[in-house]
Amino acid sequence: MATVSGPSMMLTLHDGDLIIGLRNTEIQKGDIIVFWRDDKLIVHGVMEIKNCLIITRGDNSRTNPTPNLPIRKEQKCVKILFWASRGRT
């Protein structure tokens, strides 16, 4: 379980939202995942899976106009199974 911080997934997730994920779950296009990059946890959507690479991007087109650098499939990723808004209606 983690708390979202930052605007990159603003259309789906917001600051303060709680997320719950599961490791070792098959990741598919359209899933939301959590992974480490530059000593930070990143929450992004899966745009595409090519061979051994996962292409991700945040929902917010202002902060994420293009897909991010790919991550390797063997990198530890957690698939988000559930999220809950905190203080939003």
C-alpha atoms as a PDB file:
ATOM      1  CA  MET A   1       0.000   0.000   0.000  1.00  0.00           C
ATOM      2  CA  ALA A   2       1.230   3.514  -0.807  1.00  0.00           C
ATOM      3  CA  THR A   3      -0.008   7.095  -1.045  1.00  0.00           C
ATOM      4  CA  VAL A   4       0.091   8.945  -4.364  1.00  0.00           C
ATOM      5  CA  SER A   5       2.151  12.129  -4.516  1.00  0.00           C
ATOM      6  CA  GLY A   6       2.506  14.289  -7.630  1.00  0.00           C
ATOM      7  CA  PRO A   7       0.512  15.166 -10.741  1.00  0.00           C
ATOM      8  CA  SER A   8       1.662  12.612 -13.354  1.00  0.00           C
ATOM      9  CA  MET A   9      -1.450  10.410 -13.061  1.00  0.00           C
ATOM     10  CA  MET A  10      -3.868  13.291 -12.372  1.00  0.00           C
ATOM     11  CA  LEU A  11      -6.702  12.036 -14.560  1.00  0.00           C
ATOM     12  CA  THR A  12      -6.904   8.746 -12.647  1.00  0.00           C
ATOM     13  CA  LEU A  13      -5.017   9.238  -9.374  1.00  0.00           C
ATOM     14  CA  HIS A  14      -4.557  12.375  -7.245  1.00  0.00           C
ATOM     15  CA  ASP A  15      -2.337  13.505  -4.361  1.00  0.00           C
ATOM     16  CA  GLY A  16      -3.311  11.601  -1.240  1.00  0.00           C
ATOM     17  CA  ASP A  17      -5.050   8.686  -3.003  1.00  0.00           C
ATOM     18  CA  LEU A  18      -4.228   5.298  -1.520  1.00  0.00           C
ATOM     19  CA  ILE A  19      -3.096   2.524  -3.863  1.00  0.00           C
ATOM     20  CA  ILE A  20      -2.844  -1.204  -3.248  1.00  0.00           C
ATOM     21  CA  GLY A  21      -0.849  -3.432  -5.562  1.00  0.00           C
ATOM     22  CA  LEU A  22       0.251  -7.012  -6.008  1.00  0.00           C
ATOM     23  CA  ARG A  23       3.693  -8.269  -7.019  1.00  0.00           C
ATOM     24  CA  ASN A  24       4.289 -11.167  -9.384  1.00  0.00           C
ATOM     25  CA  THR A  25       1.062 -10.480 -11.279  1.00  0.00           C
ATOM     26  CA  GLU A  26       1.002 -10.513 -15.075  1.00  0.00           C
ATOM     27  CA  ILE A  27       1.249  -6.955 -16.370  1.00  0.00           C
ATOM     28  CA  GLN A  28      -0.756  -6.022 -19.458  1.00  0.00           C
ATOM     29  CA  LYS A  29      -1.342  -2.945 -21.602  1.00  0.00           C
ATOM     30  CA  GLY A  30      -3.712  -0.579 -19.765  1.00  0.00           C
ATOM     31  CA  ASP A  31      -2.614  -1.648 -16.268  1.00  0.00           C
ATOM     32  CA  ILE A  32      -1.361   0.866 -13.718  1.00  0.00           C
ATOM     33  CA  ILE A  33       1.969  -0.127 -12.187  1.00  0.00           C
ATOM     34  CA  VAL A  34       4.455   1.117  -9.588  1.00  0.00           C
ATOM     35  CA  PHE A  35       8.201   0.879 -10.210  1.00  0.00           C
ATOM     36  CA  TRP A  36      11.469   2.442  -9.043  1.00  0.00           C
ATOM     37  CA  ARG A  37      13.270   5.043 -11.199  1.00  0.00           C
ATOM     38  CA  ASP A  38      16.083   7.310  -9.963  1.00  0.00           C
ATOM     39  CA  ASP A  39      15.429   6.399  -6.312  1.00  0.00           C
ATOM     40  CA  LYS A  40      11.729   7.362  -6.567  1.00  0.00           C
ATOM     41  CA  LEU A  41       8.590   5.272  -6.772  1.00  0.00           C
ATOM     42  CA  ILE A  42       6.764   6.020 -10.020  1.00  0.00           C
ATOM     43  CA  VAL A  43       3.077   5.260 -10.699  1.00  0.00           C
ATOM     44  CA  HIS A  44       2.248   5.109 -14.417  1.00  0.00           C
ATOM     45  CA  GLY A  45       0.002   3.388 -16.899  1.00  0.00           C
ATOM     46  CA  VAL A  46       1.309   0.675 -19.221  1.00  0.00           C
ATOM     47  CA  MET A  47       1.141   1.977 -22.805  1.00  0.00           C
ATOM     48  CA  GLU A  48       2.789  -0.947 -24.561  1.00  0.00           C
ATOM     49  CA  ILE A  49       4.791  -4.112 -23.947  1.00  0.00           C
ATOM     50  CA  LYS A  50       7.522  -4.875 -26.500  1.00  0.00           C
ATOM     51  CA  ASN A  51       9.541  -8.053 -26.062  1.00  0.00           C
ATOM     52  CA  CYS A  52      11.213  -7.533 -22.674  1.00  0.00           C
ATOM     53  CA  LEU A  53      10.353  -3.813 -22.281  1.00  0.00           C
ATOM     54  CA  ILE A  54       7.374  -2.055 -20.706  1.00  0.00           C
ATOM     55  CA  ILE A  55       6.559   1.426 -22.062  1.00  0.00           C
ATOM     56  CA  THR A  56       4.818   3.599 -19.444  1.00  0.00           C
ATOM     57  CA  ARG A  57       3.283   7.050 -19.269  1.00  0.00           C
ATOM     58  CA  GLY A  58       1.459   9.198 -16.766  1.00  0.00           C
ATOM     59  CA  ASP A  59      -2.158  10.260 -17.413  1.00  0.00           C
ATOM     60  CA  ASN A  60      -1.442  13.976 -17.209  1.00  0.00           C
ATOM     61  CA  SER A  61      -0.504  15.188 -20.706  1.00  0.00           C
ATOM     62  CA  ARG A  62       0.900  18.427 -19.253  1.00  0.00           C
ATOM     63  CA  THR A  63       3.509  16.625 -17.157  1.00  0.00           C
ATOM     64  CA  ASN A  64       3.899  13.569 -19.417  1.00  0.00           C
ATOM     65  CA  PRO A  65       3.499  14.605 -23.079  1.00  0.00           C
ATOM     66  CA  THR A  66       5.362  11.527 -24.357  1.00  0.00           C
ATOM     67  CA  PRO A  67       5.938   7.993 -23.030  1.00  0.00           C
ATOM     68  CA  ASN A  68       8.775   7.526 -20.552  1.00  0.00           C
ATOM     69  CA  LEU A  69      11.939   5.584 -21.117  1.00  0.00           C
ATOM     70  CA  PRO A  70      11.028   1.895 -21.104  1.00  0.00           C
ATOM     71  CA  ILE A  71      11.575  -0.319 -18.115  1.00  0.00           C
ATOM     72  CA  ARG A  72      12.700  -3.923 -18.352  1.00  0.00           C
ATOM     73  CA  LYS A  73      10.091  -6.610 -17.647  1.00  0.00           C
ATOM     74  CA  GLU A  74      12.353  -8.230 -15.065  1.00  0.00           C
ATOM     75  CA  GLN A  75      12.509  -4.977 -13.087  1.00  0.00           C
ATOM     76  CA  LYS A  76      10.382  -5.212  -9.976  1.00  0.00           C
ATOM     77  CA  CYS A  77       6.951  -3.796 -10.798  1.00  0.00           C
ATOM     78  CA  VAL A  78       3.762  -3.885  -8.784  1.00  0.00           C
ATOM     79  CA  LYS A  79       0.391  -3.964 -10.549  1.00  0.00           C
ATOM     80  CA  ILE A  80      -2.150  -1.631  -8.925  1.00  0.00           C
ATOM     81  CA  LEU A  81      -5.317  -3.558  -8.114  1.00  0.00           C
ATOM     82  CA  PHE A  82      -7.251  -0.941  -6.156  1.00  0.00           C
ATOM     83  CA  TRP A  83      -7.169   2.757  -5.349  1.00  0.00           C
ATOM     84  CA  ALA A  84      -9.242   4.938  -3.062  1.00  0.00           C
ATOM     85  CA  SER A  85      -9.653   8.709  -3.050  1.00  0.00           C
ATOM     86  CA  ARG A  86      -8.913  10.543   0.152  1.00  0.00           C
ATOM     87  CA  GLY A  87     -10.913  13.686   0.751  1.00  0.00           C
ATOM     88  CA  ARG A  88     -12.299  13.997  -2.801  1.00  0.00           C
ATOM     89  CA  THR A  89     -15.866  13.536  -3.905  1.00  0.00           C
END
